[in-house]
Amino acid sequence: MRFRWLAAAVLLWFPATGGAQEPAAPTVAFSQDRINHLAAGCLAAEKAMRGLTARRREGETESAYRQRLRGYFDALSRLERTLEPLSRRAQPRDASASNLAVWARIEESRRLLLSRIAAARSLYQLLRQDRDPARNPEAAVKLGRSLADALDALRSLFNALRDARP
């Protein structure tokens, strides 16, 4: 009882935080121009992956086959760099429920795309180590499916970006 005022003073000076708090994730505001730039990066990657197949085409030389696969992954690497600003949480000026739902879809699509790119890249590394990939057509089929999954995620992200408002 004698030190009740001291306890009150301590609580006023050092408020209870409920445990350790995580620092707030950095946020970024996106202009319509920046959203368009992100969408254009998606379109460029999609264009680079037209006619996607991880199998060797009829009459395709080994070096042309490897170069085509490398082109797919170069396009995906450029896309990853283009999408880097989305690693920070968006803070749209339009705080309507529908726009916030679109931005949540963008975050989820980006995470899915990056995980699918990573899965495809690991399969590609295994295929690159094989001296004669023609002996292992199953690996090319798995890589093709993985790249197709990444392409689906890329299209999903593009559609969400198309619907986003700053």
Foldseek 3Di string as FASTA:
>chain_A
DVCPVVVVVVCVVPPDPPDDDDDDFAEDEDALVLLVQLLVLLVQLLVLCPVPALDDDVPDDPVNSLVSVVSNLVSVVSSCVSCVNLVTQYDYPPPDPVQVVLSVQLNVLVVQLVVLSVVLVVLVVVCVVDPDNVVPVVSRVVSSVSSVSNNVSSVSNSVSSVVHHD
